[in-house]
C-alpha atoms as a PDB file:
ATOM      1  CA  UNK A   1     -18.091  -1.698  19.326  1.00  0.00           C
ATOM      2  CA  UNK A   2     -14.332  -1.387  18.611  1.00  0.00           C
ATOM      3  CA  UNK A   3     -13.384   1.079  15.951  1.00  0.00           C
ATOM      4  CA  UNK A   4     -15.705   3.021  13.652  1.00  0.00           C
ATOM      5  CA  UNK A   5     -17.135   0.466  11.238  1.00  0.00           C
ATOM      6  CA  UNK A   6     -17.423   1.511   7.590  1.00  0.00           C
ATOM      7  CA  UNK A   7     -20.946   2.284   6.377  1.00  0.00           C
ATOM      8  CA  UNK A   8     -20.954   1.120   2.749  1.00  0.00           C
ATOM      9  CA  UNK A   9     -23.927   3.351   1.840  1.00  0.00           C
ATOM     10  CA  UNK A  10     -22.667   6.617   3.345  1.00  0.00           C
ATOM     11  CA  UNK A  11     -18.971   7.317   2.809  1.00  0.00           C
ATOM     12  CA  UNK A  12     -17.393   9.510   5.494  1.00  0.00           C
ATOM     13  CA  UNK A  13     -16.384  13.060   4.699  1.00  0.00           C
ATOM     14  CA  UNK A  14     -12.806  13.498   3.516  1.00  0.00           C
ATOM     15  CA  UNK A  15     -10.294  14.746   6.073  1.00  0.00           C
ATOM     16  CA  UNK A  16      -9.177  18.334   5.586  1.00  0.00           C
ATOM     17  CA  UNK A  17      -5.719  17.385   4.365  1.00  0.00           C
ATOM     18  CA  UNK A  18      -6.984  14.526   2.148  1.00  0.00           C
ATOM     19  CA  UNK A  19      -4.504  12.023   3.595  1.00  0.00           C
ATOM     20  CA  UNK A  20      -5.604   8.453   4.245  1.00  0.00           C
ATOM     21  CA  UNK A  21      -3.326   6.063   6.138  1.00  0.00           C
ATOM     22  CA  UNK A  22      -4.138   2.437   5.293  1.00  0.00           C
ATOM     23  CA  UNK A  23      -3.006  -0.196   7.778  1.00  0.00           C
ATOM     24  CA  UNK A  24      -3.411  -3.734   6.388  1.00  0.00           C
ATOM     25  CA  UNK A  25      -3.571  -6.151   9.305  1.00  0.00           C
ATOM     26  CA  UNK A  26      -3.817  -9.916   9.573  1.00  0.00           C
ATOM     27  CA  UNK A  27      -3.752 -11.238  13.140  1.00  0.00           C
ATOM     28  CA  UNK A  28      -1.993  -8.139  14.473  1.00  0.00           C
ATOM     29  CA  UNK A  29      -4.096  -7.663  17.626  1.00  0.00           C
ATOM     30  CA  UNK A  30      -0.991  -7.595  19.826  1.00  0.00           C
ATOM     31  CA  UNK A  31       0.952  -4.930  17.938  1.00  0.00           C
ATOM     32  CA  UNK A  32      -1.871  -2.865  16.403  1.00  0.00           C
ATOM     33  CA  UNK A  33      -2.831  -0.694  19.412  1.00  0.00           C
ATOM     34  CA  UNK A  34       0.691   0.748  19.680  1.00  0.00           C
ATOM     35  CA  UNK A  35       0.850   1.285  15.901  1.00  0.00           C
ATOM     36  CA  UNK A  36      -2.419   3.210  15.876  1.00  0.00           C
ATOM     37  CA  UNK A  37      -1.537   5.223  18.964  1.00  0.00           C
ATOM     38  CA  UNK A  38       1.669   6.286  17.227  1.00  0.00           C
ATOM     39  CA  UNK A  39      -0.177   7.288  14.031  1.00  0.00           C
ATOM     40  CA  UNK A  40      -2.871   9.220  15.871  1.00  0.00           C
ATOM     41  CA  UNK A  41      -0.212  11.126  17.803  1.00  0.00           C
ATOM     42  CA  UNK A  42       2.042  11.885  14.830  1.00  0.00           C
ATOM     43  CA  UNK A  43      -0.599  12.531  12.152  1.00  0.00           C
ATOM     44  CA  UNK A  44      -3.434  14.619  13.595  1.00  0.00           C
ATOM     45  CA  UNK A  45      -6.062  15.318  10.950  1.00  0.00           C
ATOM     46  CA  UNK A  46      -5.253  12.324   8.753  1.00  0.00           C
ATOM     47  CA  UNK A  47      -7.856   9.598   8.393  1.00  0.00           C
ATOM     48  CA  UNK A  48      -6.654   6.158   9.449  1.00  0.00           C
ATOM     49  CA  UNK A  49      -8.197   2.984   8.051  1.00  0.00           C
ATOM     50  CA  UNK A  50      -7.405  -0.506   9.311  1.00  0.00           C
ATOM     51  CA  UNK A  51      -8.112  -3.203   6.726  1.00  0.00           C
ATOM     52  CA  UNK A  52      -8.713  -6.312   8.810  1.00  0.00           C
ATOM     53  CA  UNK A  53      -7.726  -9.032   6.367  1.00  0.00           C
ATOM     54  CA  UNK A  54      -9.840 -11.868   7.716  1.00  0.00           C
ATOM     55  CA  UNK A  55      -8.089 -11.957  11.104  1.00  0.00           C
ATOM     56  CA  UNK A  56      -8.998 -14.631  13.645  1.00  0.00           C
ATOM     57  CA  UNK A  57      -7.325 -13.107  16.712  1.00  0.00           C
ATOM     58  CA  UNK A  58      -9.654 -10.181  17.392  1.00  0.00           C
ATOM     59  CA  UNK A  59      -7.636  -7.630  15.414  1.00  0.00           C
ATOM     60  CA  UNK A  60     -10.735  -5.464  14.787  1.00  0.00           C
ATOM     61  CA  UNK A  61     -11.478  -5.314  18.516  1.00  0.00           C
ATOM     62  CA  UNK A  62      -8.007  -3.863  19.115  1.00  0.00           C
ATOM     63  CA  UNK A  63      -8.846  -0.771  17.041  1.00  0.00           C
ATOM     64  CA  UNK A  64      -9.787   2.403  18.975  1.00  0.00           C
ATOM     65  CA  UNK A  65     -12.939   4.334  18.180  1.00  0.00           C
ATOM     66  CA  UNK A  66     -10.986   7.103  16.444  1.00  0.00           C
ATOM     67  CA  UNK A  67      -9.931   4.711  13.668  1.00  0.00           C
ATOM     68  CA  UNK A  68     -12.117   3.205  10.973  1.00  0.00           C
ATOM     69  CA  UNK A  69     -12.143  -0.537  10.269  1.00  0.00           C
ATOM     70  CA  UNK A  70     -12.793  -2.234   6.951  1.00  0.00           C
ATOM     71  CA  UNK A  71     -13.273  -5.934   7.684  1.00  0.00           C
ATOM     72  CA  UNK A  72     -12.720  -8.416   4.869  1.00  0.00           C
ATOM     73  CA  UNK A  73     -14.754 -11.632   5.170  1.00  0.00           C
ATOM     74  CA  UNK A  74     -11.698 -13.816   4.568  1.00  0.00           C
ATOM     75  CA  UNK A  75      -7.959 -13.451   4.148  1.00  0.00           C
ATOM     76  CA  UNK A  76      -6.944 -11.991   0.773  1.00  0.00           C
ATOM     77  CA  UNK A  77      -3.264 -11.389   1.497  1.00  0.00           C
ATOM     78  CA  UNK A  78      -1.440  -8.079   1.553  1.00  0.00           C
ATOM     79  CA  UNK A  79      -2.226  -7.301  -2.081  1.00  0.00           C
ATOM     80  CA  UNK A  80      -5.955  -7.787  -1.707  1.00  0.00           C
ATOM     81  CA  UNK A  81      -6.031  -5.862   1.563  1.00  0.00           C
ATOM     82  CA  UNK A  82      -4.210  -2.907   0.055  1.00  0.00           C
ATOM     83  CA  UNK A  83      -6.400  -2.873  -3.040  1.00  0.00           C
ATOM     84  CA  UNK A  84      -9.415  -2.722  -0.740  1.00  0.00           C
ATOM     85  CA  UNK A  85      -7.781   0.272   0.952  1.00  0.00           C
ATOM     86  CA  UNK A  86      -7.128   1.973  -2.385  1.00  0.00           C
ATOM     87  CA  UNK A  87     -10.737   1.414  -3.436  1.00  0.00           C
ATOM     88  CA  UNK A  88     -11.914   2.927  -0.175  1.00  0.00           C
ATOM     89  CA  UNK A  89      -9.635   5.918  -0.860  1.00  0.00           C
ATOM     90  CA  UNK A  90     -11.047   6.291  -4.366  1.00  0.00           C
ATOM     91  CA  UNK A  91     -14.586   6.104  -3.000  1.00  0.00           C
ATOM     92  CA  UNK A  92     -14.013   8.686  -0.252  1.00  0.00           C
ATOM     93  CA  UNK A  93     -11.927  11.085  -2.355  1.00  0.00           C
ATOM     94  CA  UNK A  94      -8.585  10.865  -0.537  1.00  0.00           C
ATOM     95  CA  UNK A  95      -5.811  12.722  -2.360  1.00  0.00           C
ATOM     96  CA  UNK A  96      -2.907  10.711  -0.977  1.00  0.00           C
ATOM     97  CA  UNK A  97      -2.702   7.237   0.565  1.00  0.00           C
ATOM     98  CA  UNK A  98       0.045   6.070   2.907  1.00  0.00           C
ATOM     99  CA  UNK A  99       0.595   2.369   3.565  1.00  0.00           C
ATOM    100  CA  UNK A 100       1.695   1.523   7.117  1.00  0.00           C
ATOM    101  CA  UNK A 101       2.048  -2.109   8.159  1.00  0.00           C
ATOM    102  CA  UNK A 102       0.331  -3.279  11.319  1.00  0.00           C
ATOM    103  CA  UNK A 103       3.381  -5.033  12.799  1.00  0.00           C
ATOM    104  CA  UNK A 104       4.999  -1.869  14.185  1.00  0.00           C
ATOM    105  CA  UNK A 105       7.947  -1.613  11.800  1.00  0.00           C
ATOM    106  CA  UNK A 106       6.765   1.620  10.198  1.00  0.00           C
ATOM    107  CA  UNK A 107       7.044   4.719  12.362  1.00  0.00           C
ATOM    108  CA  UNK A 108       4.494   7.510  12.393  1.00  0.00           C
ATOM    109  CA  UNK A 109       7.187  10.170  12.709  1.00  0.00           C
ATOM    110  CA  UNK A 110       8.575   9.094   9.319  1.00  0.00           C
ATOM    111  CA  UNK A 111       5.328   9.443   7.343  1.00  0.00           C
ATOM    112  CA  UNK A 112       5.843  13.133   6.558  1.00  0.00           C
ATOM    113  CA  UNK A 113       9.047  12.195   4.740  1.00  0.00           C
ATOM    114  CA  UNK A 114       6.925  10.162   2.330  1.00  0.00           C
ATOM    115  CA  UNK A 115       4.441  12.988   1.845  1.00  0.00           C
ATOM    116  CA  UNK A 116       7.048  15.627   1.019  1.00  0.00           C
ATOM    117  CA  UNK A 117       7.824  14.652  -2.619  1.00  0.00           C
ATOM    118  CA  UNK A 118       4.113  14.222  -3.359  1.00  0.00           C
ATOM    119  CA  UNK A 119       3.183  17.577  -1.817  1.00  0.00           C
ATOM    120  CA  UNK A 120       5.901  19.302  -3.822  1.00  0.00           C
ATOM    121  CA  UNK A 121       4.714  17.637  -7.043  1.00  0.00           C
ATOM    122  CA  UNK A 122       7.930  15.788  -7.887  1.00  0.00           C
ATOM    123  CA  UNK A 123       6.654  12.237  -7.295  1.00  0.00           C
ATOM    124  CA  UNK A 124       3.543  10.133  -7.781  1.00  0.00           C
ATOM    125  CA  UNK A 125       4.678   7.178  -5.660  1.00  0.00           C
ATOM    126  CA  UNK A 126       7.162   7.458  -2.780  1.00  0.00           C
ATOM    127  CA  UNK A 127       8.877   4.486  -1.125  1.00  0.00           C
ATOM    128  CA  UNK A 128      10.451   4.636   2.303  1.00  0.00           C
ATOM    129  CA  UNK A 129      13.870   3.026   1.989  1.00  0.00           C
ATOM    130  CA  UNK A 130      15.793   1.359   4.809  1.00  0.00           C
ATOM    131  CA  UNK A 131      18.988   1.365   2.754  1.00  0.00           C
ATOM    132  CA  UNK A 132      19.169   4.744   1.027  1.00  0.00           C
ATOM    133  CA  UNK A 133      21.270   5.966   3.942  1.00  0.00           C
ATOM    134  CA  UNK A 134      23.399   4.045   6.400  1.00  0.00           C
ATOM    135  CA  UNK A 135      21.332   2.939   9.367  1.00  0.00           C
ATOM    136  CA  UNK A 136      20.826   0.260  11.955  1.00  0.00           C
ATOM    137  CA  UNK A 137      18.497  -1.971   9.943  1.00  0.00           C
ATOM    138  CA  UNK A 138      19.961  -5.397   9.234  1.00  0.00           C
ATOM    139  CA  UNK A 139      18.756  -8.298   7.124  1.00  0.00           C
ATOM    140  CA  UNK A 140      19.954 -11.859   6.620  1.00  0.00           C
ATOM    141  CA  UNK A 141      22.463 -12.657   3.885  1.00  0.00           C
ATOM    142  CA  UNK A 142      19.874 -14.707   2.007  1.00  0.00           C
ATOM    143  CA  UNK A 143      17.380 -11.872   2.020  1.00  0.00           C
ATOM    144  CA  UNK A 144      20.071  -9.408   0.989  1.00  0.00           C
ATOM    145  CA  UNK A 145      21.037 -11.496  -2.024  1.00  0.00           C
ATOM    146  CA  UNK A 146      17.407 -11.955  -3.010  1.00  0.00           C
ATOM    147  CA  UNK A 147      16.672  -8.254  -2.680  1.00  0.00           C
ATOM    148  CA  UNK A 148      19.710  -7.363  -4.778  1.00  0.00           C
ATOM    149  CA  UNK A 149      18.510  -9.716  -7.507  1.00  0.00           C
ATOM    150  CA  UNK A 150      15.060  -8.116  -7.488  1.00  0.00           C
ATOM    151  CA  UNK A 151      16.573  -4.620  -7.587  1.00  0.00           C
ATOM    152  CA  UNK A 152      18.601  -5.624 -10.630  1.00  0.00           C
ATOM    153  CA  UNK A 153      15.577  -7.119 -12.360  1.00  0.00           C
ATOM    154  CA  UNK A 154      13.537  -3.952 -11.801  1.00  0.00           C
ATOM    155  CA  UNK A 155      16.396  -1.932 -13.279  1.00  0.00           C
ATOM    156  CA  UNK A 156      16.431  -4.146 -16.370  1.00  0.00           C
ATOM    157  CA  UNK A 157      12.662  -4.235 -16.847  1.00  0.00           C
ATOM    158  CA  UNK A 158      11.757  -0.682 -15.828  1.00  0.00           C
ATOM    159  CA  UNK A 159      14.962   1.326 -16.181  1.00  0.00           C
ATOM    160  CA  UNK A 160      15.299   2.686 -12.641  1.00  0.00           C
ATOM    161  CA  UNK A 161      17.365   1.497  -9.705  1.00  0.00           C
ATOM    162  CA  UNK A 162      15.658   1.231  -6.334  1.00  0.00           C
ATOM    163  CA  UNK A 163      17.376   0.464  -3.049  1.00  0.00           C
ATOM    164  CA  UNK A 164      14.449  -1.079  -1.151  1.00  0.00           C
ATOM    165  CA  UNK A 165      11.931  -2.664  -3.514  1.00  0.00           C
ATOM    166  CA  UNK A 166      10.393  -4.836  -0.776  1.00  0.00           C
ATOM    167  CA  UNK A 167       9.522  -1.909   1.505  1.00  0.00           C
ATOM    168  CA  UNK A 168       5.787  -1.636   2.144  1.00  0.00           C
ATOM    169  CA  UNK A 169       6.130   1.853   3.629  1.00  0.00           C
ATOM    170  CA  UNK A 170       4.767   3.929   0.748  1.00  0.00           C
ATOM    171  CA  UNK A 171       2.717   6.960  -0.231  1.00  0.00           C
ATOM    172  CA  UNK A 172       0.701   7.343  -3.435  1.00  0.00           C
ATOM    173  CA  UNK A 173      -0.952  10.372  -4.993  1.00  0.00           C
ATOM    174  CA  UNK A 174      -4.468  10.455  -6.458  1.00  0.00           C
ATOM    175  CA  UNK A 175      -3.418   9.239  -9.925  1.00  0.00           C
ATOM    176  CA  UNK A 176      -1.652   6.208  -8.463  1.00  0.00           C
ATOM    177  CA  UNK A 177      -4.552   5.532  -6.091  1.00  0.00           C
ATOM    178  CA  UNK A 178      -6.962   5.365  -9.038  1.00  0.00           C
ATOM    179  CA  UNK A 179      -4.642   2.957 -10.818  1.00  0.00           C
ATOM    180  CA  UNK A 180      -3.999   0.709  -7.812  1.00  0.00           C
ATOM    181  CA  UNK A 181      -7.739   0.586  -7.085  1.00  0.00           C
ATOM    182  CA  UNK A 182      -8.254  -0.985 -10.516  1.00  0.00           C
ATOM    183  CA  UNK A 183      -5.522  -3.643 -10.354  1.00  0.00           C
ATOM    184  CA  UNK A 184      -2.969  -4.601  -7.736  1.00  0.00           C
ATOM    185  CA  UNK A 185      -0.807  -7.735  -7.433  1.00  0.00           C
ATOM    186  CA  UNK A 186      -2.227 -10.299  -5.033  1.00  0.00           C
ATOM    187  CA  UNK A 187       0.802 -11.958  -3.468  1.00  0.00           C
ATOM    188  CA  UNK A 188       3.895 -10.130  -2.084  1.00  0.00           C
ATOM    189  CA  UNK A 189       3.165  -7.173  -4.378  1.00  0.00           C
ATOM    190  CA  UNK A 190       5.833  -4.640  -3.427  1.00  0.00           C
ATOM    191  CA  UNK A 191       8.516  -5.316  -6.112  1.00  0.00           C
ATOM    192  CA  UNK A 192       5.977  -6.200  -8.800  1.00  0.00           C
ATOM    193  CA  UNK A 193       3.931  -3.052  -8.329  1.00  0.00           C
ATOM    194  CA  UNK A 194       7.079  -0.901  -8.443  1.00  0.00           C
ATOM    195  CA  UNK A 195       8.104  -2.358 -11.796  1.00  0.00           C
ATOM    196  CA  UNK A 196       4.620  -1.828 -13.200  1.00  0.00           C
ATOM    197  CA  UNK A 197       4.421   1.743 -11.890  1.00  0.00           C
ATOM    198  CA  UNK A 198       7.760   2.601 -13.470  1.00  0.00           C
ATOM    199  CA  UNK A 199       6.750   1.035 -16.776  1.00  0.00           C
ATOM    200  CA  UNK A 200       3.558   3.107 -16.617  1.00  0.00           C
ATOM    201  CA  UNK A 201       5.791   6.191 -16.328  1.00  0.00           C
ATOM    202  CA  UNK A 202       4.663   7.177 -12.876  1.00  0.00           C
ATOM    203  CA  UNK A 203       7.321   9.184 -11.080  1.00  0.00           C
ATOM    204  CA  UNK A 204       8.696   6.909  -8.358  1.00  0.00           C
ATOM    205  CA  UNK A 205      11.009   8.285  -5.676  1.00  0.00           C
ATOM    206  CA  UNK A 206      12.644   6.851  -2.579  1.00  0.00           C
ATOM    207  CA  UNK A 207      13.276   8.679   0.674  1.00  0.00           C
ATOM    208  CA  UNK A 208      15.413   7.443   3.579  1.00  0.00           C
ATOM    209  CA  UNK A 209      13.394   6.351   6.616  1.00  0.00           C
ATOM    210  CA  UNK A 210      14.014   4.643   9.923  1.00  0.00           C
ATOM    211  CA  UNK A 211      12.098   1.505  10.771  1.00  0.00           C
ATOM    212  CA  UNK A 212      11.591  -0.511  13.942  1.00  0.00           C
ATOM    213  CA  UNK A 213      11.800  -4.250  14.543  1.00  0.00           C
ATOM    214  CA  UNK A 214       8.425  -5.990  14.562  1.00  0.00           C
ATOM    215  CA  UNK A 215       6.537  -5.334  17.792  1.00  0.00           C
ATOM    216  CA  UNK A 216       5.003  -8.817  17.797  1.00  0.00           C
ATOM    217  CA  UNK A 217       4.348 -11.837  15.640  1.00  0.00           C
ATOM    218  CA  UNK A 218       6.465 -13.317  12.908  1.00  0.00           C
ATOM    219  CA  UNK A 219       7.344 -12.110   9.436  1.00  0.00           C
ATOM    220  CA  UNK A 220       5.372 -13.746   6.651  1.00  0.00           C
ATOM    221  CA  UNK A 221       8.664 -14.443   4.849  1.00  0.00           C
ATOM    222  CA  UNK A 222      11.132 -16.559   6.771  1.00  0.00           C
ATOM    223  CA  UNK A 223      14.800 -16.734   5.736  1.00  0.00           C
ATOM    224  CA  UNK A 224      14.181 -20.209   4.314  1.00  0.00           C
ATOM    225  CA  UNK A 225      11.403 -18.801   2.130  1.00  0.00           C
ATOM    226  CA  UNK A 226      13.474 -15.935   0.745  1.00  0.00           C
ATOM    227  CA  UNK A 227      14.729 -17.795  -2.320  1.00  0.00           C
ATOM    228  CA  UNK A 228      11.258 -19.099  -3.163  1.00  0.00           C
ATOM    229  CA  UNK A 229       9.913 -15.576  -2.734  1.00  0.00           C
ATOM    230  CA  UNK A 230      12.559 -14.146  -5.071  1.00  0.00           C
ATOM    231  CA  UNK A 231      11.842 -16.728  -7.776  1.00  0.00           C
ATOM    232  CA  UNK A 232       8.088 -16.271  -7.459  1.00  0.00           C
ATOM    233  CA  UNK A 233       8.179 -12.473  -7.619  1.00  0.00           C
ATOM    234  CA  UNK A 234      10.751 -12.461 -10.430  1.00  0.00           C
ATOM    235  CA  UNK A 235       8.532 -14.781 -12.464  1.00  0.00           C
ATOM    236  CA  UNK A 236       5.529 -12.524 -11.864  1.00  0.00           C
ATOM    237  CA  UNK A 237       7.476  -9.455 -13.011  1.00  0.00           C
ATOM    238  CA  UNK A 238       8.638 -11.237 -16.155  1.00  0.00           C
ATOM    239  CA  UNK A 239       5.093 -12.354 -16.950  1.00  0.00           C
ATOM    240  CA  UNK A 240       3.928  -8.768 -16.429  1.00  0.00           C
ATOM    241  CA  UNK A 241       6.030  -7.844 -19.463  1.00  0.00           C
ATOM    242  CA  UNK A 242       3.473  -9.720 -21.572  1.00  0.00           C
ATOM    243  CA  UNK A 243       0.729  -7.301 -20.524  1.00  0.00           C
ATOM    244  CA  UNK A 244       0.392  -3.564 -20.904  1.00  0.00           C
ATOM    245  CA  UNK A 245       1.144  -1.459 -17.871  1.00  0.00           C
ATOM    246  CA  UNK A 246      -1.948  -0.080 -16.234  1.00  0.00           C
ATOM    247  CA  UNK A 247      -4.042   1.865 -18.684  1.00  0.00           C
ATOM    248  CA  UNK A 248      -5.125   5.051 -16.976  1.00  0.00           C
ATOM    249  CA  UNK A 249      -8.480   4.611 -18.705  1.00  0.00           C
ATOM    250  CA  UNK A 250      -9.185   1.504 -16.656  1.00  0.00           C
ATOM    251  CA  UNK A 251      -9.016   3.565 -13.476  1.00  0.00           C
ATOM    252  CA  UNK A 252     -11.140   6.390 -14.825  1.00  0.00           C
ATOM    253  CA  UNK A 253      -8.209   8.773 -15.208  1.00  0.00           C
ATOM    254  CA  UNK A 254      -5.253   8.803 -17.565  1.00  0.00           C
ATOM    255  CA  UNK A 255      -1.963   7.752 -16.022  1.00  0.00           C
ATOM    256  CA  UNK A 256       1.005  10.063 -16.737  1.00  0.00           C
ATOM    257  CA  UNK A 257       2.262   9.770 -20.297  1.00  0.00           C
ATOM    258  CA  UNK A 258       0.013   6.934 -21.434  1.00  0.00           C
ATOM    259  CA  UNK A 259      -2.107   9.155 -23.634  1.00  0.00           C
ATOM    260  CA  UNK A 260      -5.224   6.970 -23.456  1.00  0.00           C
ATOM    261  CA  UNK A 261      -8.769   8.314 -23.334  1.00  0.00           C
ATOM    262  CA  UNK A 262     -10.822   8.147 -20.137  1.00  0.00           C
ATOM    263  CA  UNK A 263     -13.554   5.580 -19.646  1.00  0.00           C
ATOM    264  CA  UNK A 264     -16.978   6.302 -21.066  1.00  0.00           C
ATOM    265  CA  UNK A 265     -19.234   7.908 -18.468  1.00  0.00           C
ATOM    266  CA  UNK A 266     -21.466   4.831 -18.142  1.00  0.00           C
ATOM    267  CA  UNK A 267     -18.539   2.528 -17.425  1.00  0.00           C
ATOM    268  CA  UNK A 268     -17.096   4.975 -14.883  1.00  0.00           C
ATOM    269  CA  UNK A 269     -20.429   4.966 -13.081  1.00  0.00           C
ATOM    270  CA  UNK A 270     -20.426   1.163 -12.915  1.00  0.00           C
ATOM    271  CA  UNK A 271     -16.863   1.211 -11.582  1.00  0.00           C
ATOM    272  CA  UNK A 272     -17.868   3.654  -8.845  1.00  0.00           C
ATOM    273  CA  UNK A 273     -20.818   1.459  -7.909  1.00  0.00           C
ATOM    274  CA  UNK A 274     -18.490  -1.539  -7.692  1.00  0.00           C
ATOM    275  CA  UNK A 275     -16.214   0.316  -5.274  1.00  0.00           C
ATOM    276  CA  UNK A 276     -19.129   1.109  -2.994  1.00  0.00           C
ATOM    277  CA  UNK A 277     -20.619  -2.371  -3.172  1.00  0.00           C
ATOM    278  CA  UNK A 278     -17.343  -4.012  -2.224  1.00  0.00           C
ATOM    279  CA  UNK A 279     -16.880  -1.987   0.951  1.00  0.00           C
ATOM    280  CA  UNK A 280     -17.892  -4.970   3.064  1.00  0.00           C
ATOM    281  CA  UNK A 281     -18.657  -4.226   6.697  1.00  0.00           C
ATOM    282  CA  UNK A 282     -17.828  -6.754   9.369  1.00  0.00           C
ATOM    283  CA  UNK A 283     -19.830  -7.002  12.518  1.00  0.00           C
END
């Protein structure tokens, strides 16, 4: 059997440092072994979880025994895969969750940069930015224009400028994990979730990181799709203004500054049962 399959009835013990690295993967069998080797080498003691998002290429079989696998029965997209990871983190008691994509762009030696502001207590959500400092990363003109538009929209809606709102290289503390486990955008969630986190008064910080080109496969967003992506995400962020930011009560813990009471004990118990029941194990 490849990887250590998740037992939905008996959650594993929490790693000593409480750090969970979630790797959402859809048909990443070619690049995943190198990604996981890098993480295991750079982050000894951290738990690593691959969320196999309904892959059809044997992604789960590419996972070594030292890494756990949460197999989804069908493809949910990056948002659904990450929410599954956050629910697993809530269930197992992880104190911080790091998102690392399975395509090889995110480097294990950069993860500690994300953890620093959380460990020092100055941030709840940390984003690894490709553009905070001058580097070698390049993007197409169309993507650059679209990203700039999204950055501006986040500034207008949430009051904070970010340099890399589409980066999926992120770390979240326990309060954010509880919130993301309750609700997370389904489709291309990175800019949308940033705007919502800022509106919820979570402390969001960026740190400069280096990223690699994809090791294999093709990006889910082609240059021709960039404009459609920008319009779609912008519309979602505008519609989000019609709803309250996450209520900390919905996640069983008050989010910073919201001042709402926690869930009644009975409802919290049902929420915990739902987390456990949704930890689907693939064969």
